[in-house]
């Protein structure tokens, strides 16, 4: 089964953007809980020294754009690699 690299990249970019927006909303609504989740995802790294969030609009858009672009690139290269190995 061949994958269209652009379609997969677009899908992964859109899904990542949606997850990023949902995460940002959750951080705004439940900062303490999300801080605990972030710490657990980082294998318990001590984050209490930071104990703050940068929730500026500029940081939001930089994070949204960079995560969506990065996910798009990952999706594209996954499809290209899959198609390459599928031919073998």
C-alpha atoms as a PDB file:
ATOM      1  CA  UNK A   1       0.000   0.000   0.000  1.00  0.00           C
ATOM      2  CA  UNK A   2       1.525   3.296  -1.091  1.00  0.00           C
ATOM      3  CA  UNK A   3       1.171   6.421   1.047  1.00  0.00           C
ATOM      4  CA  UNK A   4       0.822   9.926  -0.367  1.00  0.00           C
ATOM      5  CA  UNK A   5       3.542  11.887   1.472  1.00  0.00           C
ATOM      6  CA  UNK A   6       1.699  15.222   1.231  1.00  0.00           C
ATOM      7  CA  UNK A   7      -1.587  13.775   2.520  1.00  0.00           C
ATOM      8  CA  UNK A   8       0.097  12.081   5.473  1.00  0.00           C
ATOM      9  CA  UNK A   9       2.128  15.203   6.243  1.00  0.00           C
ATOM     10  CA  UNK A  10      -0.994  17.405   6.111  1.00  0.00           C
ATOM     11  CA  UNK A  11      -2.921  15.029   8.368  1.00  0.00           C
ATOM     12  CA  UNK A  12      -0.129  14.845  10.944  1.00  0.00           C
ATOM     13  CA  UNK A  13       0.368  18.620  10.879  1.00  0.00           C
ATOM     14  CA  UNK A  14      -3.347  19.313  11.443  1.00  0.00           C
ATOM     15  CA  UNK A  15      -3.675  16.717  14.216  1.00  0.00           C
ATOM     16  CA  UNK A  16      -0.579  18.074  15.964  1.00  0.00           C
ATOM     17  CA  UNK A  17      -1.919  21.641  15.737  1.00  0.00           C
ATOM     18  CA  UNK A  18      -5.214  20.484  17.261  1.00  0.00           C
ATOM     19  CA  UNK A  19      -3.445  18.698  20.103  1.00  0.00           C
ATOM     20  CA  UNK A  20      -1.257  21.758  20.701  1.00  0.00           C
ATOM     21  CA  UNK A  21      -4.304  24.032  20.935  1.00  0.00           C
ATOM     22  CA  UNK A  22      -6.103  21.604  23.273  1.00  0.00           C
ATOM     23  CA  UNK A  23      -3.020  21.370  25.473  1.00  0.00           C
ATOM     24  CA  UNK A  24      -2.722  25.171  25.623  1.00  0.00           C
ATOM     25  CA  UNK A  25      -6.376  25.447  26.676  1.00  0.00           C
ATOM     26  CA  UNK A  26      -5.841  22.816  29.384  1.00  0.00           C
ATOM     27  CA  UNK A  27      -2.765  24.649  30.691  1.00  0.00           C
ATOM     28  CA  UNK A  28      -4.812  27.832  30.890  1.00  0.00           C
ATOM     29  CA  UNK A  29      -7.671  26.110  32.735  1.00  0.00           C
ATOM     30  CA  UNK A  30      -5.715  23.697  34.951  1.00  0.00           C
ATOM     31  CA  UNK A  31      -2.135  24.960  35.322  1.00  0.00           C
ATOM     32  CA  UNK A  32      -1.298  22.923  38.431  1.00  0.00           C
ATOM     33  CA  UNK A  33      -2.540  19.649  37.010  1.00  0.00           C
ATOM     34  CA  UNK A  34      -0.826  20.224  33.665  1.00  0.00           C
ATOM     35  CA  UNK A  35       2.416  21.085  35.469  1.00  0.00           C
ATOM     36  CA  UNK A  36       2.213  17.700  37.203  1.00  0.00           C
ATOM     37  CA  UNK A  37       1.484  15.957  33.895  1.00  0.00           C
ATOM     38  CA  UNK A  38       4.461  17.670  32.246  1.00  0.00           C
ATOM     39  CA  UNK A  39       6.708  16.606  35.102  1.00  0.00           C
ATOM     40  CA  UNK A  40       5.479  13.009  34.866  1.00  0.00           C
ATOM     41  CA  UNK A  41       6.116  12.953  31.104  1.00  0.00           C
ATOM     42  CA  UNK A  42       9.691  14.076  31.763  1.00  0.00           C
ATOM     43  CA  UNK A  43      10.264  11.088  34.047  1.00  0.00           C
ATOM     44  CA  UNK A  44       9.961  13.106  37.219  1.00  0.00           C
ATOM     45  CA  UNK A  45      12.531  15.776  36.365  1.00  0.00           C
ATOM     46  CA  UNK A  46      12.300  18.444  39.054  1.00  0.00           C
ATOM     47  CA  UNK A  47      10.421  21.328  37.430  1.00  0.00           C
ATOM     48  CA  UNK A  48       9.439  23.198  40.579  1.00  0.00           C
ATOM     49  CA  UNK A  49      12.323  25.631  40.133  1.00  0.00           C
ATOM     50  CA  UNK A  50      10.620  26.805  36.952  1.00  0.00           C
ATOM     51  CA  UNK A  51       7.138  26.900  38.490  1.00  0.00           C
ATOM     52  CA  UNK A  52       5.802  29.245  35.841  1.00  0.00           C
ATOM     53  CA  UNK A  53       4.239  29.197  32.398  1.00  0.00           C
ATOM     54  CA  UNK A  54       4.870  31.481  29.448  1.00  0.00           C
ATOM     55  CA  UNK A  55       1.333  31.812  28.126  1.00  0.00           C
ATOM     56  CA  UNK A  56       1.865  34.876  25.966  1.00  0.00           C
ATOM     57  CA  UNK A  57       0.164  35.085  22.596  1.00  0.00           C
ATOM     58  CA  UNK A  58       3.536  35.245  20.849  1.00  0.00           C
ATOM     59  CA  UNK A  59       4.772  32.077  22.560  1.00  0.00           C
ATOM     60  CA  UNK A  60       1.505  30.359  21.640  1.00  0.00           C
ATOM     61  CA  UNK A  61       1.867  31.109  17.923  1.00  0.00           C
ATOM     62  CA  UNK A  62       5.568  30.211  17.819  1.00  0.00           C
ATOM     63  CA  UNK A  63       4.817  26.888  19.523  1.00  0.00           C
ATOM     64  CA  UNK A  64       1.811  26.200  17.309  1.00  0.00           C
ATOM     65  CA  UNK A  65       3.649  26.949  14.074  1.00  0.00           C
ATOM     66  CA  UNK A  66       6.857  25.133  14.990  1.00  0.00           C
ATOM     67  CA  UNK A  67       5.082  22.006  16.254  1.00  0.00           C
ATOM     68  CA  UNK A  68       2.807  21.836  13.181  1.00  0.00           C
ATOM     69  CA  UNK A  69       5.716  22.323  10.756  1.00  0.00           C
ATOM     70  CA  UNK A  70       7.854  19.765  12.581  1.00  0.00           C
ATOM     71  CA  UNK A  71       4.984  17.249  12.560  1.00  0.00           C
ATOM     72  CA  UNK A  72       4.387  17.944   8.841  1.00  0.00           C
ATOM     73  CA  UNK A  73       8.027  17.149   8.084  1.00  0.00           C
ATOM     74  CA  UNK A  74       7.889  13.972  10.161  1.00  0.00           C
ATOM     75  CA  UNK A  75       4.724  12.844   8.361  1.00  0.00           C
ATOM     76  CA  UNK A  76       6.245  13.543   4.959  1.00  0.00           C
ATOM     77  CA  UNK A  77       9.446  11.627   5.665  1.00  0.00           C
ATOM     78  CA  UNK A  78       7.581   8.729   7.255  1.00  0.00           C
ATOM     79  CA  UNK A  79       5.514   8.335   4.069  1.00  0.00           C
ATOM     80  CA  UNK A  80       8.587   8.603   1.838  1.00  0.00           C
ATOM     81  CA  UNK A  81      10.470   6.053   3.940  1.00  0.00           C
ATOM     82  CA  UNK A  82       7.434   3.737   4.038  1.00  0.00           C
ATOM     83  CA  UNK A  83       7.058   3.867   0.263  1.00  0.00           C
ATOM     84  CA  UNK A  84      10.784   3.194  -0.173  1.00  0.00           C
ATOM     85  CA  UNK A  85      10.773   0.145   2.094  1.00  0.00           C
ATOM     86  CA  UNK A  86       7.452  -1.091   0.746  1.00  0.00           C
ATOM     87  CA  UNK A  87       9.060  -1.502  -2.704  1.00  0.00           C
ATOM     88  CA  UNK A  88      11.733  -3.836  -1.341  1.00  0.00           C
END
